[in-house]
Amino acid sequence: MGLLTRVAVGAAVTALGVTMSAVPAAASSLTVSGYCEADFGFGATRDFECSASASGGTGSYSYSWRSLTPNAVFLLSQGPLGDGYCWAYTDNVVRVTVTSSGETASADVRFHCPSSRH
């Protein structure tokens, strides 16, 4: 659209008393938080369990878990619960993503994979 055309359209809209403005996007009401804990143990790896809690949004929740560090591996992620194993002595980050009727929210959860039991 050329400058002259844009000016003409703007003048026509103004002459008709119409106001053009952007419609603000609706703020997401969906939130999620999570928690992970690794067990003490022996050997190179430890079992861990994670849980998430979602609120807001509309409709049912769909959960997805993934590790953001190579030291944590999910074996099972079923809804708000996930578990797997991590390498001892490592700090880990996993992400839980929740979807509800087109809205999406994510939370990064940090946890430590401990050494052996003392």
N, C-alpha and C. Protein backbone atom coordinates (compact mmCIF):
# COMPACT_ATOMS: atom_id res chain seq x y z
N MET A 1 0.86 -1.16 0.00
CA MET A 1 0.00 0.00 0.00
C MET A 1 0.90 1.22 0.00
N GLY A 2 0.72 2.13 -0.94
CA GLY A 2 1.53 3.33 -1.04
C GLY A 2 1.17 4.35 0.03
N LEU A 3 2.04 5.32 0.21
CA LEU A 3 1.82 6.36 1.22
C LEU A 3 0.54 7.11 0.95
N LEU A 4 0.27 7.47 -0.30
CA LEU A 4 -0.95 8.20 -0.64
C LEU A 4 -2.18 7.37 -0.31
N THR A 5 -2.15 6.07 -0.58
CA THR A 5 -3.29 5.21 -0.28
C THR A 5 -3.49 5.12 1.23
N ARG A 6 -2.40 4.97 1.99
CA ARG A 6 -2.52 4.89 3.45
C ARG A 6 -3.11 6.17 4.03
N VAL A 7 -2.67 7.31 3.53
CA VAL A 7 -3.20 8.59 4.00
C VAL A 7 -4.68 8.68 3.68
N ALA A 8 -5.06 8.28 2.46
CA ALA A 8 -6.46 8.35 2.05
C ALA A 8 -7.33 7.43 2.90
N VAL A 9 -6.84 6.21 3.20
CA VAL A 9 -7.60 5.29 4.05
C VAL A 9 -7.72 5.87 5.45
N GLY A 10 -6.63 6.41 5.99
CA GLY A 10 -6.68 7.01 7.31
C GLY A 10 -7.64 8.18 7.37
N ALA A 11 -7.65 9.02 6.33
CA ALA A 11 -8.56 10.16 6.29
C ALA A 11 -10.01 9.69 6.21
N ALA A 12 -10.28 8.65 5.41
CA ALA A 12 -11.64 8.13 5.28
C ALA A 12 -12.12 7.55 6.60
N VAL A 13 -11.27 6.83 7.29
CA VAL A 13 -11.65 6.25 8.58
C VAL A 13 -11.92 7.37 9.58
N THR A 14 -11.07 8.40 9.60
CA THR A 14 -11.26 9.52 10.51
C THR A 14 -12.56 10.26 10.18
N ALA A 15 -12.83 10.45 8.90
CA ALA A 15 -14.05 11.16 8.49
C ALA A 15 -15.30 10.38 8.90
N LEU A 16 -15.23 9.06 8.93
CA LEU A 16 -16.38 8.25 9.33
C LEU A 16 -16.51 8.14 10.85
N GLY A 17 -15.54 8.65 11.57
CA GLY A 17 -15.59 8.60 13.03
C GLY A 17 -15.25 7.24 13.59
N VAL A 18 -14.57 6.43 12.82
CA VAL A 18 -14.18 5.09 13.27
C VAL A 18 -12.78 5.16 13.84
N THR A 19 -12.58 4.54 14.96
CA THR A 19 -11.25 4.49 15.56
C THR A 19 -10.67 3.11 15.34
N MET A 20 -9.48 3.05 14.78
CA MET A 20 -8.81 1.78 14.58
C MET A 20 -7.74 1.63 15.64
N SER A 21 -7.81 0.54 16.39
CA SER A 21 -6.76 0.28 17.37
C SER A 21 -6.58 -1.22 17.48
N ALA A 22 -5.41 -1.60 17.91
CA ALA A 22 -5.11 -3.02 18.07
C ALA A 22 -5.87 -3.57 19.27
N VAL A 23 -6.36 -4.77 19.12
CA VAL A 23 -7.05 -5.43 20.23
C VAL A 23 -5.99 -6.13 21.07
N PRO A 24 -5.89 -5.81 22.35
CA PRO A 24 -4.86 -6.44 23.17
C PRO A 24 -5.14 -7.93 23.32
N ALA A 25 -4.06 -8.70 23.34
CA ALA A 25 -4.20 -10.14 23.54
C ALA A 25 -4.65 -10.41 24.97
N ALA A 26 -5.49 -11.40 25.12
CA ALA A 26 -5.97 -11.77 26.46
C ALA A 26 -4.81 -12.35 27.26
N ALA A 27 -4.72 -11.97 28.50
CA ALA A 27 -3.68 -12.49 29.37
C ALA A 27 -4.01 -13.94 29.71
N SER A 28 -3.00 -14.76 29.72
CA SER A 28 -3.19 -16.17 30.02
C SER A 28 -3.50 -16.34 31.51
N SER A 29 -4.50 -17.13 31.81
CA SER A 29 -4.84 -17.39 33.20
C SER A 29 -4.28 -18.72 33.66
N LEU A 30 -3.60 -19.45 32.78
CA LEU A 30 -3.05 -20.76 33.09
C LEU A 30 -1.69 -20.62 33.75
N THR A 31 -1.50 -21.27 34.88
CA THR A 31 -0.20 -21.29 35.56
C THR A 31 0.14 -22.72 35.93
N VAL A 32 1.43 -22.98 36.07
CA VAL A 32 1.89 -24.31 36.46
C VAL A 32 3.11 -24.17 37.36
N SER A 33 3.21 -25.06 38.33
CA SER A 33 4.39 -25.14 39.18
C SER A 33 4.76 -26.60 39.32
N GLY A 34 6.00 -26.87 39.65
CA GLY A 34 6.44 -28.25 39.76
C GLY A 34 7.46 -28.44 40.86
N TYR A 35 7.66 -29.71 41.20
CA TYR A 35 8.61 -30.08 42.24
C TYR A 35 9.21 -31.43 41.87
N CYS A 36 10.53 -31.58 42.03
CA CYS A 36 11.21 -32.85 41.80
C CYS A 36 12.09 -33.18 42.99
N GLU A 37 12.21 -34.47 43.26
CA GLU A 37 13.06 -34.92 44.35
C GLU A 37 13.73 -36.22 43.94
N ALA A 38 15.04 -36.30 44.19
CA ALA A 38 15.80 -37.50 43.88
C ALA A 38 16.13 -38.23 45.19
N ASP A 39 16.13 -39.55 45.12
CA ASP A 39 16.44 -40.38 46.29
C ASP A 39 17.94 -40.50 46.48
N PHE A 40 18.35 -40.71 47.74
CA PHE A 40 19.72 -41.10 48.01
C PHE A 40 19.88 -42.53 47.57
N GLY A 41 21.10 -42.96 47.29
CA GLY A 41 21.29 -44.34 46.90
C GLY A 41 22.74 -44.67 46.69
N PHE A 42 22.97 -45.83 46.10
CA PHE A 42 24.31 -46.30 45.80
C PHE A 42 24.44 -46.49 44.30
N GLY A 43 25.64 -46.38 43.78
CA GLY A 43 25.85 -46.53 42.35
C GLY A 43 25.87 -45.18 41.66
N ALA A 44 25.85 -45.20 40.34
CA ALA A 44 26.03 -43.98 39.55
C ALA A 44 24.74 -43.18 39.35
N THR A 45 23.57 -43.82 39.46
CA THR A 45 22.32 -43.12 39.19
C THR A 45 21.39 -43.16 40.39
N ARG A 46 20.44 -42.23 40.39
CA ARG A 46 19.43 -42.13 41.43
C ARG A 46 18.06 -42.03 40.78
N ASP A 47 17.05 -42.57 41.43
CA ASP A 47 15.68 -42.40 40.96
C ASP A 47 15.18 -41.02 41.38
N PHE A 48 14.37 -40.39 40.53
CA PHE A 48 13.73 -39.15 40.92
C PHE A 48 12.26 -39.19 40.55
N GLU A 49 11.49 -38.37 41.24
CA GLU A 49 10.07 -38.22 40.99
C GLU A 49 9.73 -36.75 40.90
N CYS A 50 8.84 -36.41 39.98
CA CYS A 50 8.40 -35.03 39.82
C CYS A 50 6.87 -34.98 39.86
N SER A 51 6.37 -33.87 40.34
CA SER A 51 4.92 -33.65 40.29
C SER A 51 4.67 -32.19 39.92
N ALA A 52 3.55 -31.97 39.26
CA ALA A 52 3.19 -30.61 38.81
C ALA A 52 1.76 -30.31 39.22
N SER A 53 1.49 -29.04 39.36
CA SER A 53 0.14 -28.58 39.69
C SER A 53 -0.19 -27.41 38.78
N ALA A 54 -1.32 -27.52 38.10
CA ALA A 54 -1.77 -26.45 37.20
C ALA A 54 -3.03 -25.81 37.76
N SER A 55 -3.22 -24.54 37.43
CA SER A 55 -4.45 -23.85 37.81
C SER A 55 -4.79 -22.84 36.72
N GLY A 56 -6.05 -22.45 36.71
CA GLY A 56 -6.51 -21.51 35.70
C GLY A 56 -6.81 -22.22 34.40
N GLY A 57 -6.86 -21.49 33.33
CA GLY A 57 -7.19 -22.08 32.04
C GLY A 57 -8.64 -22.53 32.01
N THR A 58 -9.01 -23.18 30.95
CA THR A 58 -10.36 -23.73 30.83
C THR A 58 -10.25 -25.14 30.28
N GLY A 59 -11.06 -26.00 30.77
CA GLY A 59 -11.02 -27.37 30.28
C GLY A 59 -10.00 -28.22 31.03
N SER A 60 -9.73 -29.38 30.48
CA SER A 60 -8.80 -30.31 31.13
C SER A 60 -7.35 -29.91 30.83
N TYR A 61 -6.44 -30.47 31.60
CA TYR A 61 -5.02 -30.18 31.46
C TYR A 61 -4.30 -31.33 30.77
N SER A 62 -3.37 -30.98 29.90
CA SER A 62 -2.48 -31.94 29.26
C SER A 62 -1.06 -31.59 29.68
N TYR A 63 -0.33 -32.57 30.23
CA TYR A 63 1.02 -32.33 30.77
C TYR A 63 2.07 -32.95 29.86
N SER A 64 3.21 -32.29 29.77
CA SER A 64 4.35 -32.80 29.03
C SER A 64 5.62 -32.52 29.84
N TRP A 65 6.48 -33.51 30.02
CA TRP A 65 7.72 -33.37 30.77
C TRP A 65 8.91 -33.60 29.84
N ARG A 66 9.97 -32.82 30.05
CA ARG A 66 11.22 -33.08 29.34
C ARG A 66 12.39 -32.53 30.14
N SER A 67 13.52 -33.19 29.98
CA SER A 67 14.73 -32.77 30.68
C SER A 67 15.44 -31.69 29.87
N LEU A 68 15.94 -30.68 30.55
CA LEU A 68 16.73 -29.63 29.90
C LEU A 68 18.22 -29.86 30.12
N THR A 69 18.57 -30.87 30.91
CA THR A 69 19.97 -31.24 31.13
C THR A 69 20.14 -32.71 30.75
N PRO A 70 21.33 -33.08 30.29
CA PRO A 70 21.52 -34.47 29.85
C PRO A 70 21.63 -35.47 31.00
N ASN A 71 21.67 -34.99 32.23
CA ASN A 71 21.88 -35.87 33.37
C ASN A 71 20.61 -36.44 33.97
N ALA A 72 19.45 -36.04 33.46
CA ALA A 72 18.16 -36.53 33.96
C ALA A 72 17.40 -37.13 32.79
N VAL A 73 16.89 -38.35 32.99
CA VAL A 73 16.18 -39.06 31.94
C VAL A 73 14.82 -39.48 32.46
N PHE A 74 13.77 -39.11 31.76
CA PHE A 74 12.42 -39.53 32.15
C PHE A 74 12.15 -40.94 31.62
N LEU A 75 11.65 -41.79 32.50
CA LEU A 75 11.22 -43.13 32.11
C LEU A 75 9.72 -43.16 31.92
N LEU A 76 9.02 -42.36 32.72
CA LEU A 76 7.56 -42.33 32.66
C LEU A 76 7.10 -40.92 32.97
N SER A 77 6.22 -40.40 32.16
CA SER A 77 5.60 -39.12 32.46
C SER A 77 4.12 -39.27 32.14
N GLN A 78 3.34 -39.37 33.17
CA GLN A 78 1.91 -39.62 33.05
C GLN A 78 1.17 -38.47 33.71
N GLY A 79 0.65 -37.56 32.92
CA GLY A 79 -0.09 -36.45 33.49
C GLY A 79 0.79 -35.59 34.37
N PRO A 80 0.33 -35.26 35.57
CA PRO A 80 1.09 -34.36 36.43
C PRO A 80 2.28 -35.03 37.12
N LEU A 81 2.49 -36.33 36.89
CA LEU A 81 3.59 -37.05 37.54
C LEU A 81 4.60 -37.52 36.50
N GLY A 82 5.87 -37.48 36.89
CA GLY A 82 6.93 -37.98 36.03
C GLY A 82 8.02 -38.57 36.89
N ASP A 83 8.68 -39.60 36.39
CA ASP A 83 9.81 -40.14 37.13
C ASP A 83 10.86 -40.67 36.17
N GLY A 84 12.06 -40.82 36.71
CA GLY A 84 13.17 -41.28 35.88
C GLY A 84 14.40 -41.48 36.73
N TYR A 85 15.56 -41.31 36.13
CA TYR A 85 16.80 -41.43 36.87
C TYR A 85 17.72 -40.28 36.49
N CYS A 86 18.63 -39.97 37.41
CA CYS A 86 19.61 -38.92 37.19
C CYS A 86 20.97 -39.41 37.67
N TRP A 87 22.03 -38.79 37.16
CA TRP A 87 23.37 -39.14 37.57
C TRP A 87 23.68 -38.49 38.90
N ALA A 88 24.28 -39.26 39.80
CA ALA A 88 24.63 -38.77 41.14
C ALA A 88 25.55 -37.55 41.03
N TYR A 89 25.44 -36.67 41.99
CA TYR A 89 26.27 -35.47 42.11
C TYR A 89 25.96 -34.41 41.05
N THR A 90 24.80 -34.45 40.40
CA THR A 90 24.51 -33.48 39.34
C THR A 90 23.34 -32.58 39.72
N ASP A 91 23.37 -31.38 39.19
CA ASP A 91 22.24 -30.47 39.28
C ASP A 91 21.46 -30.58 37.97
N ASN A 92 20.14 -30.63 38.07
CA ASN A 92 19.31 -30.91 36.91
C ASN A 92 18.19 -29.89 36.76
N VAL A 93 17.72 -29.75 35.53
CA VAL A 93 16.58 -28.89 35.24
C VAL A 93 15.66 -29.67 34.30
N VAL A 94 14.38 -29.74 34.69
CA VAL A 94 13.37 -30.35 33.83
C VAL A 94 12.28 -29.30 33.59
N ARG A 95 11.56 -29.46 32.49
CA ARG A 95 10.49 -28.52 32.16
C ARG A 95 9.17 -29.28 32.07
N VAL A 96 8.18 -28.74 32.77
CA VAL A 96 6.82 -29.27 32.63
C VAL A 96 6.02 -28.21 31.88
N THR A 97 5.30 -28.66 30.85
CA THR A 97 4.47 -27.78 30.04
C THR A 97 3.04 -28.28 30.13
N VAL A 98 2.13 -27.36 30.40
CA VAL A 98 0.71 -27.70 30.54
C VAL A 98 -0.07 -26.94 29.47
N THR A 99 -1.00 -27.65 28.85
CA THR A 99 -1.89 -27.04 27.86
C THR A 99 -3.33 -27.23 28.30
N SER A 100 -4.12 -26.18 28.16
CA SER A 100 -5.54 -26.23 28.51
C SER A 100 -6.30 -25.35 27.53
N SER A 101 -7.07 -25.96 26.67
CA SER A 101 -7.90 -25.24 25.69
C SER A 101 -7.12 -24.17 24.93
N GLY A 102 -5.97 -24.53 24.41
CA GLY A 102 -5.19 -23.61 23.59
C GLY A 102 -4.21 -22.74 24.37
N GLU A 103 -4.34 -22.65 25.68
CA GLU A 103 -3.39 -21.89 26.49
C GLU A 103 -2.26 -22.83 26.89
N THR A 104 -1.05 -22.28 27.00
CA THR A 104 0.11 -23.08 27.39
C THR A 104 0.90 -22.34 28.45
N ALA A 105 1.35 -23.08 29.46
CA ALA A 105 2.21 -22.53 30.51
C ALA A 105 3.30 -23.55 30.80
N SER A 106 4.50 -23.07 31.12
CA SER A 106 5.62 -23.94 31.43
C SER A 106 6.31 -23.50 32.70
N ALA A 107 6.95 -24.47 33.36
CA ALA A 107 7.75 -24.17 34.54
C ALA A 107 9.02 -25.00 34.47
N ASP A 108 10.15 -24.38 34.77
CA ASP A 108 11.42 -25.10 34.86
C ASP A 108 11.65 -25.46 36.32
N VAL A 109 11.94 -26.72 36.56
CA VAL A 109 12.11 -27.23 37.92
C VAL A 109 13.55 -27.68 38.09
N ARG A 110 14.21 -27.14 39.10
CA ARG A 110 15.60 -27.49 39.39
C ARG A 110 15.65 -28.43 40.59
N PHE A 111 16.54 -29.43 40.49
CA PHE A 111 16.75 -30.33 41.62
C PHE A 111 18.14 -30.93 41.55
N HIS A 112 18.62 -31.38 42.69
CA HIS A 112 19.95 -31.97 42.81
C HIS A 112 19.81 -33.48 42.92
N CYS A 113 20.67 -34.18 42.21
CA CYS A 113 20.73 -35.63 42.32
C CYS A 113 21.84 -35.93 43.33
N PRO A 114 21.47 -36.44 44.49
CA PRO A 114 22.42 -36.52 45.61
C PRO A 114 23.46 -37.63 45.47
N SER A 115 24.42 -37.57 46.38
CA SER A 115 25.43 -38.63 46.48
C SER A 115 24.85 -39.80 47.26
N SER A 116 25.69 -40.70 47.68
CA SER A 116 25.23 -41.87 48.43
C SER A 116 24.76 -41.47 49.82
N ARG A 117 23.95 -42.33 50.39
CA ARG A 117 23.43 -42.12 51.74
C ARG A 117 24.57 -42.20 52.75
N HIS A 118 24.55 -41.32 53.71
CA HIS A 118 25.61 -41.31 54.75
C HIS A 118 25.16 -42.03 55.97
